[in-house]
Structures are given as C-alpha cells and as structure tokens.
Protein backbone atom coordinates (compact mmCIF):
# COMPACT_ATOMS: atom_id res chain seq x y z
CA UNK A 1 -62.61 -53.89 37.85
CA UNK A 2 -64.40 -51.75 35.24
CA UNK A 3 -62.96 -48.63 36.82
CA UNK A 4 -59.45 -50.09 36.46
CA UNK A 5 -60.01 -50.80 32.75
CA UNK A 6 -61.42 -47.36 32.28
CA UNK A 7 -58.28 -45.80 33.82
CA UNK A 8 -56.02 -47.83 31.53
CA UNK A 9 -57.92 -46.64 28.44
CA UNK A 10 -57.85 -43.08 29.71
CA UNK A 11 -54.09 -43.19 30.31
CA UNK A 12 -53.43 -44.68 26.88
CA UNK A 13 -55.51 -42.02 25.19
CA UNK A 14 -53.65 -39.36 27.13
CA UNK A 15 -50.26 -40.80 26.09
CA UNK A 16 -51.42 -41.02 22.47
CA UNK A 17 -52.52 -37.40 22.58
CA UNK A 18 -49.13 -36.34 23.92
CA UNK A 19 -47.39 -38.28 21.15
CA UNK A 20 -49.61 -36.63 18.53
CA UNK A 21 -48.93 -33.18 19.96
CA UNK A 22 -45.18 -33.85 20.03
CA UNK A 23 -45.23 -35.15 16.42
CA UNK A 24 -47.25 -32.12 15.35
CA UNK A 25 -44.70 -29.80 16.99
CA UNK A 26 -41.88 -31.62 15.19
CA UNK A 27 -43.73 -31.32 11.89
CA UNK A 28 -44.39 -27.60 12.40
CA UNK A 29 -40.73 -27.07 13.38
CA UNK A 30 -39.56 -28.87 10.27
CA UNK A 31 -41.88 -26.84 8.06
CA UNK A 32 -40.68 -23.65 9.76
CA UNK A 33 -37.08 -24.65 9.11
CA UNK A 34 -37.73 -25.45 5.44
CA UNK A 35 -39.93 -22.48 4.61
CA UNK A 36 -38.37 -19.79 6.79
CA UNK A 37 -34.89 -20.61 8.03
CA UNK A 38 -33.64 -22.61 5.07
CA UNK A 39 -35.66 -20.77 2.44
CA UNK A 40 -32.62 -18.87 1.19
CA UNK A 41 -30.48 -21.98 0.58
CA UNK A 42 -33.32 -23.84 -1.12
CA UNK A 43 -34.07 -20.84 -3.28
CA UNK A 44 -30.41 -20.65 -4.33
CA UNK A 45 -30.43 -24.35 -5.25
CA UNK A 46 -33.51 -23.91 -7.42
CA UNK A 47 -32.03 -20.88 -9.16
CA UNK A 48 -28.78 -22.75 -9.80
CA UNK A 49 -30.67 -25.60 -11.43
CA UNK A 50 -32.57 -23.24 -13.72
CA UNK A 51 -29.84 -20.79 -14.72
CA UNK A 52 -26.19 -19.73 -14.85
CA UNK A 53 -24.84 -17.66 -11.99
CA UNK A 54 -22.60 -14.59 -11.99
CA UNK A 55 -21.20 -12.80 -8.97
CA UNK A 56 -22.19 -9.14 -8.67
CA UNK A 57 -20.09 -8.57 -5.53
CA UNK A 58 -16.48 -9.64 -4.75
CA UNK A 59 -16.15 -12.67 -2.51
CA UNK A 60 -13.71 -10.80 -0.28
CA UNK A 61 -14.04 -8.41 2.63
CA UNK A 62 -13.32 -4.70 2.46
CA UNK A 63 -9.95 -3.04 3.05
CA UNK A 64 -10.56 0.34 4.72
CA UNK A 65 -8.50 3.48 5.23
CA UNK A 66 -8.15 5.04 8.69
CA UNK A 67 -11.46 6.92 8.24
CA UNK A 68 -13.31 3.75 7.13
CA UNK A 69 -13.31 4.88 3.50
CA UNK A 70 -13.39 1.65 1.46
CA UNK A 71 -10.25 1.08 -0.59
CA UNK A 72 -11.74 -2.01 -2.23
CA UNK A 73 -15.30 -2.99 -3.23
CA UNK A 74 -16.10 0.70 -3.71
CA UNK A 75 -16.77 1.14 -7.42
CA UNK A 76 -19.87 0.04 -9.32
CA UNK A 77 -19.80 -0.53 -13.07
CA UNK A 78 -22.46 -1.43 -15.61
CA UNK A 79 -21.89 -4.89 -17.03
CA UNK A 80 -23.56 -6.38 -20.09
CA UNK A 81 -24.45 -10.08 -20.05
CA UNK A 82 -25.12 -11.56 -23.46
CA UNK A 83 -24.84 -14.77 -25.42
CA UNK A 84 -21.38 -14.98 -26.91
CA UNK A 85 -22.62 -16.16 -30.31
CA UNK A 86 -24.99 -13.22 -30.59
CA UNK A 87 -22.07 -10.81 -30.25
CA UNK A 88 -19.90 -12.73 -32.70
CA UNK A 89 -22.66 -12.90 -35.32
CA UNK A 90 -23.80 -9.28 -34.91
CA UNK A 91 -20.89 -7.12 -36.07
CA UNK A 92 -22.79 -3.95 -35.30
CA UNK A 93 -23.27 -5.01 -31.66
CA UNK A 94 -19.65 -6.10 -31.43
CA UNK A 95 -18.41 -2.75 -32.78
CA UNK A 96 -20.67 -0.81 -30.39
CA UNK A 97 -19.46 -2.83 -27.41
CA UNK A 98 -15.82 -2.25 -28.33
CA UNK A 99 -16.45 1.50 -28.41
CA UNK A 100 -18.15 1.47 -25.02
CA UNK A 101 -16.14 -0.96 -22.93
CA UNK A 102 -13.10 -0.48 -20.67
CA UNK A 103 -11.57 -3.68 -22.09
CA UNK A 104 -8.85 -3.38 -24.69
CA UNK A 105 -9.26 -5.24 -27.99
CA UNK A 106 -7.10 -8.18 -26.91
CA UNK A 107 -9.05 -8.79 -23.69
CA UNK A 108 -12.37 -8.30 -25.49
CA UNK A 109 -11.49 -10.97 -28.08
CA UNK A 110 -10.24 -13.26 -25.35
CA UNK A 111 -13.64 -13.22 -23.66
CA UNK A 112 -15.37 -14.10 -26.93
CA UNK A 113 -13.12 -17.16 -27.24
CA UNK A 114 -13.92 -18.51 -23.76
CA UNK A 115 -15.90 -21.73 -23.41
CA UNK A 116 -18.79 -20.05 -21.60
CA UNK A 117 -21.95 -19.35 -23.61
CA UNK A 118 -22.64 -16.09 -21.73
CA UNK A 119 -19.99 -13.36 -21.55
CA UNK A 120 -19.88 -10.28 -19.36
CA UNK A 121 -18.58 -7.00 -20.76
CA UNK A 122 -18.01 -3.91 -18.53
CA UNK A 123 -19.46 -0.74 -20.09
CA UNK A 124 -18.71 2.98 -19.90
CA UNK A 125 -22.19 3.86 -21.13
CA UNK A 126 -25.32 1.79 -21.75
CA UNK A 127 -27.58 4.12 -23.73
CA UNK A 128 -26.56 3.15 -27.31
CA UNK A 129 -26.88 -0.54 -26.41
CA UNK A 130 -30.18 -0.84 -24.53
CA UNK A 131 -31.97 1.28 -27.14
CA UNK A 132 -30.93 -0.91 -30.10
CA UNK A 133 -30.59 -4.51 -28.94
CA UNK A 134 -32.69 -7.06 -27.10
CA UNK A 135 -31.87 -10.46 -25.63
CA UNK A 136 -29.19 -8.83 -23.45
CA UNK A 137 -29.05 -8.01 -19.75
CA UNK A 138 -27.29 -5.08 -18.08
CA UNK A 139 -26.70 -5.00 -14.33
CA UNK A 140 -24.46 -3.07 -11.96
CA UNK A 141 -21.53 -4.96 -10.52
CA UNK A 142 -19.24 -4.01 -7.63
CA UNK A 143 -15.61 -4.48 -8.67
CA UNK A 144 -12.78 -5.37 -6.30
CA UNK A 145 -10.29 -2.73 -7.42
CA UNK A 146 -10.79 0.91 -8.32
CA UNK A 147 -10.13 1.70 -11.99
CA UNK A 148 -7.46 4.19 -10.82
CA UNK A 149 -5.70 1.40 -8.88
CA UNK A 150 -5.16 3.65 -5.86
CA UNK A 151 -2.79 2.16 -3.24
CA UNK A 152 -2.31 -0.83 -5.56
CA UNK A 153 1.16 -1.78 -4.26
CA UNK A 154 -0.08 -1.92 -0.67
CA UNK A 155 -3.45 -3.58 -1.30
CA UNK A 156 -1.87 -6.05 -3.71
CA UNK A 157 -3.85 -8.45 -5.88
CA UNK A 158 -5.47 -11.88 -5.93
CA UNK A 159 -5.43 -15.01 -8.01
CA UNK A 160 -8.98 -14.69 -9.38
CA UNK A 161 -9.50 -18.36 -10.17
CA UNK A 162 -8.71 -19.38 -6.58
CA UNK A 163 -9.83 -16.16 -4.84
CA UNK A 164 -6.45 -16.20 -3.12
CA UNK A 165 -4.30 -13.23 -2.10
CA UNK A 166 -0.99 -13.19 -3.94
CA UNK A 167 0.59 -9.88 -2.88
CA UNK A 168 0.30 -7.08 -0.32
CA UNK A 169 -2.52 -6.87 2.21
CA UNK A 170 -4.52 -9.32 0.08
CA UNK A 171 -1.87 -11.95 0.81
CA UNK A 172 -1.13 -11.15 4.46
CA UNK A 173 -4.81 -11.18 5.47
CA UNK A 174 -6.09 -13.67 2.90
CA UNK A 175 -7.92 -15.87 5.43
CA UNK A 176 -9.62 -12.86 7.02
CA UNK A 177 -10.68 -11.26 3.73
CA UNK A 178 -12.12 -14.54 2.41
CA UNK A 179 -14.25 -14.86 5.55
CA UNK A 180 -17.22 -13.05 4.03
CA UNK A 181 -20.75 -14.42 3.79
CA UNK A 182 -22.27 -11.79 1.53
CA UNK A 183 -23.59 -13.11 -1.78
CA UNK A 184 -24.95 -10.91 -4.54
CA UNK A 185 -25.59 -13.28 -7.42
CA UNK A 186 -27.23 -12.84 -10.80
CA UNK A 187 -28.94 -15.97 -12.18
CA UNK A 188 -29.61 -15.97 -15.92
CA UNK A 189 -32.13 -18.49 -17.28
CA UNK A 190 -31.83 -19.73 -20.88
CA UNK A 191 -34.18 -21.72 -23.06
CA UNK A 192 -33.71 -25.46 -23.59
CA UNK A 193 -31.25 -24.92 -26.46
CA UNK A 194 -29.45 -22.23 -24.41
CA UNK A 195 -29.90 -19.74 -27.22
CA UNK A 196 -32.41 -17.26 -25.80
CA UNK A 197 -32.36 -15.43 -22.47
CA UNK A 198 -35.69 -16.19 -20.80
CA UNK A 199 -35.16 -14.07 -17.71
CA UNK A 200 -33.00 -13.36 -14.71
CA UNK A 201 -33.12 -13.24 -10.93
CA UNK A 202 -30.89 -11.45 -8.44
CA UNK A 203 -30.18 -12.84 -5.03
CA UNK A 204 -28.88 -10.38 -2.45
CA UNK A 205 -27.80 -11.94 0.82
CA UNK A 206 -26.13 -9.40 3.10
CA UNK A 207 -24.88 -10.93 6.33
CA UNK A 208 -22.40 -8.18 7.02
CA UNK A 209 -23.84 -7.22 10.40
CA UNK A 210 -22.14 -10.13 12.16
CA UNK A 211 -19.00 -9.66 14.25
CA UNK A 212 -17.09 -12.20 12.21
CA UNK A 213 -13.67 -10.79 11.12
CA UNK A 214 -13.72 -10.14 7.37
CA UNK A 215 -12.14 -6.71 6.84
CA UNK A 216 -8.84 -4.90 7.39
CA UNK A 217 -8.44 -1.29 8.50
CA UNK A 218 -5.23 0.45 7.43
CA UNK A 219 -3.54 3.57 8.81
CA UNK A 220 -3.58 5.03 5.28
CA UNK A 221 -5.43 8.30 4.78
CA UNK A 222 -7.26 8.08 1.46
CA UNK A 223 -7.07 11.83 0.87
CA UNK A 224 -3.30 12.04 1.51
CA UNK A 225 -2.71 8.91 -0.58
CA UNK A 226 -4.61 10.46 -3.45
CA UNK A 227 -2.56 13.67 -3.18
CA UNK A 228 0.71 11.74 -3.34
CA UNK A 229 -0.33 9.62 -6.32
CA UNK A 230 -1.67 12.61 -8.25
CA UNK A 231 1.60 14.52 -7.75
CA UNK A 232 3.72 11.55 -8.85
CA UNK A 233 1.57 11.06 -11.95
CA UNK A 234 1.56 14.76 -12.78
CA UNK A 235 5.37 14.83 -12.67
CA UNK A 236 5.57 11.58 -14.68
CA UNK A 237 8.28 10.08 -12.45
CA UNK A 238 9.10 6.60 -11.19
CA UNK A 239 10.04 5.84 -7.60
CA UNK A 240 8.24 5.98 -4.27
CA UNK A 241 6.82 8.31 -1.63
CA UNK A 242 6.02 7.57 2.01
CA UNK A 243 4.13 9.87 4.40
CA UNK A 244 4.11 8.95 8.10
CA UNK A 245 2.94 10.64 11.28
CA UNK A 246 5.86 11.41 13.61
CA UNK A 247 4.26 10.69 17.00
CA UNK A 248 2.26 7.59 16.13
CA UNK A 249 4.46 6.08 13.43
CA UNK A 250 1.33 5.43 11.38
CA UNK A 251 1.83 5.54 7.62
CA UNK A 252 -0.66 7.87 5.94
CA UNK A 253 0.46 7.29 2.33
CA UNK A 254 2.69 4.84 0.49
CA UNK A 255 2.88 5.12 -3.28
CA UNK A 256 5.09 3.41 -5.84
CA UNK A 257 5.49 4.19 -9.50
CA UNK A 258 4.95 3.04 -12.15
CA UNK A 259 1.49 1.88 -11.15
CA UNK A 260 -0.20 -1.31 -12.37
CA UNK A 261 -3.68 -2.63 -13.09
CA UNK A 262 -4.58 -5.15 -10.37
CA UNK A 263 -7.02 -6.89 -12.70
CA UNK A 264 -4.39 -7.59 -15.35
CA UNK A 265 -1.14 -8.43 -13.56
CA UNK A 266 0.25 -10.73 -16.26
CA UNK A 267 1.11 -7.96 -18.69
CA UNK A 268 3.58 -6.44 -16.16
CA UNK A 269 5.57 -9.61 -15.46
CA UNK A 270 8.29 -9.16 -18.08
CA UNK A 271 8.72 -5.39 -17.90
CA UNK A 272 11.99 -3.72 -16.87
CA UNK A 273 10.41 -0.90 -14.84
CA UNK A 274 9.55 -3.15 -11.86
CA UNK A 275 5.93 -1.96 -11.94
CA UNK A 276 4.83 -4.84 -9.70
CA UNK A 277 7.40 -3.96 -7.02
CA UNK A 278 6.43 -1.83 -4.05
CA UNK A 279 9.46 0.43 -4.29
CA UNK A 280 8.81 1.98 -0.90
CA UNK A 281 9.59 -1.29 0.88
CA UNK A 282 10.66 -3.88 -1.69
CA UNK A 283 13.56 -2.16 -3.46
CA UNK A 284 16.75 -1.07 -1.68
CA UNK A 285 18.71 1.90 -3.04
CA UNK A 286 22.04 3.54 -2.16
CA UNK A 287 21.02 6.30 0.29
CA UNK A 288 23.62 8.78 -0.89
CA UNK A 289 23.93 11.92 1.23
CA UNK A 290 20.95 10.96 3.38
CA UNK A 291 23.31 8.55 5.13
CA UNK A 292 25.31 11.58 6.32
CA UNK A 293 22.62 11.91 9.00
CA UNK A 294 23.79 8.55 10.38
CA UNK A 295 27.45 9.64 10.25
CA UNK A 296 26.64 12.91 12.01
CA UNK A 297 24.60 11.09 14.68
CA UNK A 298 27.51 8.68 15.28
CA UNK A 299 29.94 11.61 15.56
CA UNK A 300 27.69 13.42 18.06
CA UNK A 301 27.27 10.31 20.19
CA UNK A 302 31.03 9.77 20.12
CA UNK A 303 32.24 13.33 20.68
CA UNK A 304 30.08 16.44 20.98
CA UNK A 305 33.08 18.70 20.45
CA UNK A 306 32.77 18.43 16.65
CA UNK A 307 30.23 21.25 16.81
CA UNK A 308 33.06 23.69 17.55
CA UNK A 309 35.56 22.09 15.20
CA UNK A 310 36.56 23.83 11.97
CA UNK A 311 36.91 21.56 8.93
CA UNK A 312 38.48 22.27 5.56
CA UNK A 313 37.28 21.14 2.13
CA UNK A 314 39.52 21.54 -0.90
CA UNK A 315 37.11 19.88 -3.35
CA UNK A 316 38.13 16.26 -2.87
CA UNK A 317 39.27 13.78 -0.25
CA UNK A 318 41.90 11.08 -0.55
CA UNK A 319 41.17 7.72 1.10
CA UNK A 320 44.14 5.41 0.61
CA UNK A 321 44.73 5.36 -3.14
CA UNK A 322 41.20 6.51 -3.93
CA UNK A 323 40.18 10.12 -4.55
CA UNK A 324 36.53 11.02 -3.94
CA UNK A 325 35.32 14.37 -5.22
CA UNK A 326 33.17 16.73 -3.20
CA UNK A 327 29.90 17.94 -4.69
CA UNK A 328 31.68 21.29 -5.02
CA UNK A 329 34.79 20.53 -7.08
CA UNK A 330 36.35 23.90 -6.15
CA UNK A 331 35.96 23.12 -2.47
CA UNK A 332 33.99 24.71 0.36
CA UNK A 333 37.12 25.94 2.15
CA UNK A 334 36.88 26.41 5.93
CA UNK A 335 33.52 25.12 7.09
CA UNK A 336 31.85 23.99 10.33
CA UNK A 337 29.85 20.79 10.72
CA UNK A 338 26.41 22.40 10.44
CA UNK A 339 27.28 24.14 7.17
CA UNK A 340 28.99 20.99 5.88
CA UNK A 341 25.75 19.09 6.48
CA UNK A 342 23.48 21.71 4.92
CA UNK A 343 25.73 21.98 1.85
CA UNK A 344 26.23 18.19 1.78
CA UNK A 345 30.03 18.42 1.74
CA UNK A 346 31.52 15.00 0.93
CA UNK A 347 35.03 15.95 2.08
CA UNK A 348 34.03 16.83 5.64
CA UNK A 349 31.95 13.68 6.07
CA UNK A 350 34.74 11.48 4.78
CA UNK A 351 36.99 13.16 7.36
CA UNK A 352 34.37 12.34 10.00
CA UNK A 353 34.27 8.77 8.73
CA UNK A 354 38.03 8.42 9.14
CA UNK A 355 37.78 9.77 12.70
CA UNK A 356 34.95 7.40 13.64
CA UNK A 357 35.81 4.23 11.75
CA UNK A 358 33.40 2.01 9.87
CA UNK A 359 32.30 -0.02 12.91
CA UNK A 360 30.94 2.99 14.81
CA UNK A 361 29.05 4.26 11.76
CA UNK A 362 27.45 0.89 11.04
CA UNK A 363 26.60 0.44 14.72
CA UNK A 364 24.70 3.73 14.60
CA UNK A 365 23.04 2.71 11.32
CA UNK A 366 21.71 -0.42 13.03
CA UNK A 367 20.39 1.66 15.95
CA UNK A 368 18.53 3.75 13.38
CA UNK A 369 16.92 0.64 11.88
CA UNK A 370 19.09 -0.02 8.82
CA UNK A 371 19.97 -3.57 7.81
CA UNK A 372 16.73 -4.96 9.29
CA UNK A 373 13.08 -4.97 8.30
CA UNK A 374 10.90 -2.28 9.85
CA UNK A 375 7.95 -4.74 9.92
CA UNK A 376 5.04 -2.53 8.95
CA UNK A 377 2.80 -5.48 8.13
CA UNK A 378 3.71 -6.36 4.52
CA UNK A 379 5.54 -9.56 3.60
CA UNK A 380 7.35 -8.01 0.63
CA UNK A 381 9.58 -5.76 2.76
CA UNK A 382 13.35 -6.26 2.32
CA UNK A 383 16.05 -5.44 4.86
CA UNK A 384 18.53 -3.71 2.59
CA UNK A 385 22.27 -4.12 3.12
CA UNK A 386 25.01 -2.82 5.39
CA UNK A 387 28.72 -3.51 4.82
CA UNK A 388 30.55 -5.74 7.26
CA UNK A 389 33.97 -7.28 7.88
CA UNK A 390 36.67 -6.05 5.48
CA UNK A 391 34.13 -3.74 3.83
CA UNK A 392 34.43 -1.45 6.86
CA UNK A 393 38.14 -0.77 6.46
CA UNK A 394 40.54 0.93 4.10
CA UNK A 395 39.24 2.94 1.16
CA UNK A 396 35.68 1.64 1.77
CA UNK A 397 35.28 4.17 4.60
CA UNK A 398 35.03 6.89 1.93
CA UNK A 399 31.93 5.33 0.37
CA UNK A 400 30.41 4.49 3.75
CA UNK A 401 30.72 8.10 4.90
CA UNK A 402 28.68 9.41 1.97
CA UNK A 403 26.15 6.57 1.66
CA UNK A 404 27.59 4.82 -1.38
CA UNK A 405 29.25 1.47 -2.04
CA UNK A 406 27.44 -1.59 -0.72
CA UNK A 407 25.04 0.34 1.51
CA UNK A 408 21.44 -0.16 0.40
CA UNK A 409 18.34 1.13 2.16
CA UNK A 410 14.63 1.20 1.48
CA UNK A 411 12.60 4.43 1.51
CA UNK A 412 10.79 2.89 4.49
CA UNK A 413 14.05 2.66 6.47
CA UNK A 414 14.88 6.27 5.58
CA UNK A 415 11.42 7.30 6.81
CA UNK A 416 11.99 5.38 10.03
CA UNK A 417 15.33 7.15 10.59
CA UNK A 418 13.86 10.60 9.93
CA UNK A 419 10.93 9.87 12.27
CA UNK A 420 13.35 8.95 15.07
CA UNK A 421 15.15 12.29 14.75
CA UNK A 422 11.92 14.29 14.40
CA UNK A 423 10.52 12.53 17.48
CA UNK A 424 13.37 13.53 19.79
CA UNK A 425 15.36 10.32 19.41
CA UNK A 426 12.43 8.01 20.22
CA UNK A 427 11.76 5.06 17.92
CA UNK A 428 8.03 4.31 17.79
CA UNK A 429 8.20 1.96 14.81
CA UNK A 430 6.11 2.35 11.68
CA UNK A 431 2.92 0.53 10.77
CA UNK A 432 0.39 0.44 7.96
CA UNK A 433 -2.24 -1.85 9.55
CA UNK A 434 -4.57 -0.53 12.25
CA UNK A 435 -6.42 -3.78 12.84
CA UNK A 436 -8.99 -6.37 11.78
CA UNK A 437 -12.65 -5.42 11.40
CA UNK A 438 -15.99 -6.99 10.63
CA UNK A 439 -17.72 -6.39 7.29
CA UNK A 440 -18.96 -2.94 8.33
CA UNK A 441 -15.59 -1.72 9.61
CA UNK A 442 -16.20 -2.25 13.33
CA UNK A 443 -12.81 -2.92 14.96
CA UNK A 444 -12.48 -6.47 16.27
CA UNK A 445 -8.75 -6.76 16.93
CA UNK A 446 -6.33 -3.84 17.14
CA UNK A 447 -2.86 -4.28 15.69
CA UNK A 448 -0.13 -4.62 18.32
CA UNK A 449 2.60 -1.95 18.31
CA UNK A 450 6.17 -2.07 19.55
CA UNK A 451 7.10 -0.37 22.81
CA UNK A 452 8.76 3.00 22.03
CA UNK A 453 12.55 2.97 22.48
CA UNK A 454 15.04 5.75 23.14
CA UNK A 455 17.58 5.51 20.31
CA UNK A 456 19.29 8.93 20.47
CA UNK A 457 19.72 11.38 23.28
CA UNK A 458 17.32 14.31 23.24
CA UNK A 459 20.22 16.77 23.06
CA UNK A 460 21.76 15.10 20.01
CA UNK A 461 18.37 14.74 18.35
CA UNK A 462 17.88 18.49 18.75
CA UNK A 463 21.24 19.18 17.07
CA UNK A 464 20.35 16.86 14.19
CA UNK A 465 16.97 18.57 13.78
CA UNK A 466 18.65 21.97 13.65
CA UNK A 467 21.02 20.71 10.95
CA UNK A 468 18.09 19.32 8.94
CA UNK A 469 16.23 22.62 9.25
CA UNK A 470 19.34 24.47 8.06
CA UNK A 471 19.34 22.33 4.90
CA UNK A 472 15.92 23.78 4.02
CA UNK A 473 16.66 27.31 5.22
CA UNK A 474 20.19 27.76 3.84
CA UNK A 475 21.41 24.57 2.19
CA UNK A 476 20.70 22.28 -0.74
CA UNK A 477 16.90 22.49 -0.30
CA UNK A 478 16.64 26.26 0.20
CA UNK A 479 14.58 26.69 -2.98
CA UNK A 480 11.54 25.22 -1.22
CA UNK A 481 8.98 27.76 -0.07
CA UNK A 482 7.38 26.45 3.13
CA UNK A 483 7.91 29.24 5.66
CA UNK A 484 4.22 30.19 5.61
CA UNK A 485 3.36 26.59 6.52
CA UNK A 486 5.67 26.37 9.51
CA UNK A 487 8.88 25.51 7.69
CA UNK A 488 10.51 22.10 7.38
CA UNK A 489 13.69 20.18 7.89
CA UNK A 490 15.22 17.50 5.71
CA UNK A 491 18.08 16.19 3.63
CA UNK A 492 18.66 15.91 -0.08
CA UNK A 493 20.54 13.04 -1.69
CA UNK A 494 21.81 12.13 -5.13
CA UNK A 495 22.88 8.52 -5.15
CA UNK A 496 24.89 6.75 -7.83
CA UNK A 497 23.21 3.48 -8.74
CA UNK A 498 22.64 0.88 -11.45
CA UNK A 499 19.18 0.58 -13.01
CA UNK A 500 18.47 -1.97 -15.76
CA UNK A 501 22.22 -2.58 -16.08
CA UNK A 502 22.90 1.13 -16.69
CA UNK A 503 24.57 3.62 -14.37
CA UNK A 504 22.27 6.36 -13.19
CA UNK A 505 21.60 8.71 -10.26
CA UNK A 506 18.55 8.49 -8.03
CA UNK A 507 17.20 11.61 -6.33
CA UNK A 508 16.27 11.61 -2.63
CA UNK A 509 14.62 13.96 -0.23
CA UNK A 510 13.42 12.99 3.22
CA UNK A 511 12.25 15.45 5.81
CA UNK A 512 9.67 16.56 8.36
CA UNK A 513 7.26 19.44 8.74
CA UNK A 514 6.50 21.75 10.39
CA UNK A 515 9.95 22.40 11.81
CA UNK A 516 8.59 23.01 15.33
CA UNK A 517 6.80 19.97 16.76
CA UNK A 518 6.90 18.02 13.47
CA UNK A 519 3.71 16.21 12.50
CA UNK A 520 4.68 14.38 9.30
CA UNK A 521 7.76 12.75 7.85
CA UNK A 522 7.80 12.52 4.06
CA UNK A 523 10.34 10.52 2.04
CA UNK A 524 10.67 10.89 -1.72
CA UNK A 525 12.88 8.85 -4.04
CA UNK A 526 12.83 9.47 -7.78
CA UNK A 527 14.58 6.95 -10.00
CA UNK A 528 16.87 8.58 -12.55
CA UNK A 529 16.11 11.90 -10.87
CA UNK A 530 19.78 12.98 -10.90
CA UNK A 531 19.35 15.75 -8.30
CA UNK A 532 17.70 15.55 -4.90
CA UNK A 533 17.40 19.33 -4.64
CA UNK A 534 15.93 19.82 -8.14
CA UNK A 535 13.82 16.66 -8.53
CA UNK A 536 12.83 15.14 -5.17
CA UNK A 537 12.63 18.26 -2.97
CA UNK A 538 9.99 20.00 -5.16
CA UNK A 539 7.77 16.92 -4.89
CA UNK A 540 8.13 17.03 -1.08
CA UNK A 541 7.16 20.70 -1.20
CA UNK A 542 4.08 20.07 -3.35
CA UNK A 543 2.90 17.24 -1.10
CA UNK A 544 3.23 19.42 2.01
CA UNK A 545 1.23 22.24 0.42
CA UNK A 546 -1.56 19.91 -0.71
CA UNK A 547 -1.78 18.18 2.68
CA UNK A 548 -2.08 21.56 4.35
CA UNK A 549 -5.01 22.43 2.10
CA UNK A 550 -7.06 19.46 3.30
CA UNK A 551 -6.02 19.94 6.96
CA UNK A 552 -7.29 23.52 7.13
C-alpha cells in the first residue's frame, strides 16, 4: 500500500515538473519574441511616442532600366530639419536657406505656413548653415524623382498624400510599387514645449532581399534616353522622340517635350504646351508624307507593276473640284515611283491614291497598326484616327494619299510601321516594360509579348526599304551624313496641323539604321518644326551619332 502511494506522489511530481518545463519554454519563447523578433516594431512604437517621424526613403519600389540602373530612388539630397518658428524669427537663417535651397520662393513660403512645427528644406550646400546655426538637423534623404526628371512622361508621378500612382508606370504598376517593406525613418525628439530639438534617431529597416514583387524593369536604356533628352533640350524644341530595337521591338528611349517637374505637377495643369502629355503616345498628329509609305505598300501589294510605270508631275493634282499642290510647285516632270517617294512628290501619290481607292489604303494602314493602340504598357496611349465611310471617297482621297485630312497618328504608331518595314514585313509589336522584379531588381515575372506576325511580303518590304534608303541617299534627307556609320533609311514629313487654335506645320522624320540589317528605328516629331528635312532629320542624325559613340 505504501509503495502505491509512493508511486502516485512520484507520478504527480513528474507531471508537475513537465508542466514547469513547458511553462518555462513558453516564457522563454515569449521573451525571445519580444526582445529579438519583435524588437524592431516595439522600438518603432517607442520612437513614435517620443518624437516626430520623417521618411528618408520613398515608400515605393524602384523602376529600373534594362541594365538595372535605377530610374527612381537614385538621388540623395541634404535636407535640413528645423523648427518653423526658428526660421521665421531668424531672418538671417531664412535668407541663407533661400540662397541654398532648390525650392523657389513660393514653395519655400508655403512650407513655412504649414501646420507642422518642424519643416524640411532640401539644400544645395550645407556648409554656411551648419557652421553658423544650432538647434537644426541635417540628414541625407533619397528622393523619388531625379532633379533632371529623366523619362518623366514614362515614369509618371504620384499623388504624394495618398502614395498613389496617377500617371505612367507609377499608375499602371501602383500596387506592385507600393509593395515595399523598407523603412528609413528619422525620429526627431522635442522638449515638452516642443521648442527645442533634444535629439534624433534613425531607423533603417531594409527588407529588400525578399522575393516579393516591388519593382518594375523597363526596356529603356538609360544612356540612350539621356542622349535623346539632351539633344531635344539643346535644340530647344517641343515634340517627341522614340528609339526602338528592330528585332525585339523593345523601346530604348521615349522622350516628350516640354518636360515637367514630377514633384510639382500642379503648376503645369493650365499651360497650353501640353507639358504633362506624353506626346510619343498620347497625342495624335497628321502624319503628312510619312503616310506615303502606307500608300506605296498598298500599291505594291495590289500591283507590283508600278515599279516600271512612269508618272508625270506638273506641280499640282486635281481631285474633283479641289487642287492640291505638289511640294515642288514647278513640277517634277516625268518621274518613277522610287524617285517620287524620295522627293516626296504629292502629285504622284495622289495619282496612286486614285488608282487604289481609299478602302485599300486604309486597309493597309490598319495592317500597319494605325487606328489601334500599339499597347506598349502605358494606359495613356491613344489610337489616333483613320477616315471611314464617306471620308474615303471623292476629293478626300487627295488628303488621304498624302497623310492629311482626318488621318491622325501617334509617333508610336509611326515607329511601329517603320519597324515592320525594317524587319522584313514582320510585326513584333513594341513594348516598354520588361517585367516585374523584387526590390533588388531580380526578375520575378517577365512581360508577355505578342506572337510575331507577317504583315508584308518580304519582297515588298525590301522594295520599301530601298525607297527609304533612297530618301537618305538622294532625296529629302540627303543632307544627313551617316555613310560612315552604315547609312540609314527613312522618310521626312511636313504635316499641316492646328496647335493651340493656330495653323502650323509639324516636322517628322522616322527611319532606321544602319541600312543593312537595321538595328534601331528612330522617330522624331517636332511641333512647329515646319520642315522634316531641315528640323527633324538633323535630330535623327545627331541621335544616331551619339548612340554609336556609346556602342563602340
């Protein structure tokens, strides 16, 4: 009986010991969780109770170029944090800050009128400030957009108060770009009256090594993009330029002018120059003589014998009761189709238009991608306009044949057409997005591409290429000097249009280079450029030469 009691006591003690061990393990686990695993969150809560917080890193993922060069979150600036009242009361400090900040006077004053006690002022230089004033803090801050606003019309911008993409890639991939866990926060601690800065703490929490999608990789080449923007700015012109690779259809540069500051979008809202529009994809223009490539393609598909046909230009062409002048008022005289194309003869192409009829021309235009979006990955793209119904008959055929009237195309559609011809009649489609990445640029999901389609026969594509090369060698773009770089092919255009309720002429040039096995297609449109050969073609030439410098 005593042995039985002894066993009961022994078993109870054993059970009690197990319970104690289990409780101890739970306690240790809880302490481990609080002190190690959850230390960061608790530390943040303490800092938030003691001070005011300021972000030192954008709460959005990085947008990369094709070589993983960051296009956002790349620039660091020195930022001063100070009590607003101290700046207002110290005129000397205020004057010094105004002379050393990137803010204009209006924005500077606006920050001093905000409700917050502490203001942040970006600085060009810190030396005259840190040597003369105390009770201020200066830290480096990573800004979302480069001060040069490179690729601004493609990247787009955000609504800062909501951290929401409003335009461009920022809008299309808003959910992905907001999916970032990195937090670089500055906590500033004030005294009880919130009048003196007691100290500061910086929390850096980099969780970028995860495979969570938070970045976007573009097909843009930063170096080519920079070349294009520098040339546009140097020439002080408005319009757009697109550079695309022929074989892949990947866009290497897309620039629109005038440019805009992504951090201050409001001041561009009521301007007449459409600075906030991506003119490469969002504005449709009359294509002018560039549309003659469509007419010629339709004529070749319909009847190859036009190559041997002799045409005659007497300086104008009558269509019904309408007379349309040729670009040479005295007339080109007897001329074949290749020379008519290289000299951009309106008369011959109106004659072709009469032979073909509007339906055949517009059918070819649709095959070449006009009248529909190209779908490169930006929501702002427009589809342009092609005439239909009664607009295809009568005197309208004159305007259709030379790319005027109601025809409207985007520079992107022109680039797509030129790429089809340069690629032997194969349509690969164009794209500007390579795929979705994690924070460090590791590809997570590749962008899907369309299946290449045969749009033109190889034989007809070769004829069109030869005609485009003749434009550069002997025609309206013969002033370009690209023979040492492998030559080029292309087409000039001078399109009558209306801009800000005034009649004007836009200048076009779209072409490929080198002329054998083309690598790039480049499209240039210059608003109020008046002459494709004198305004747009030289910009094409300069871009080619600069690209070749970096490719050597």
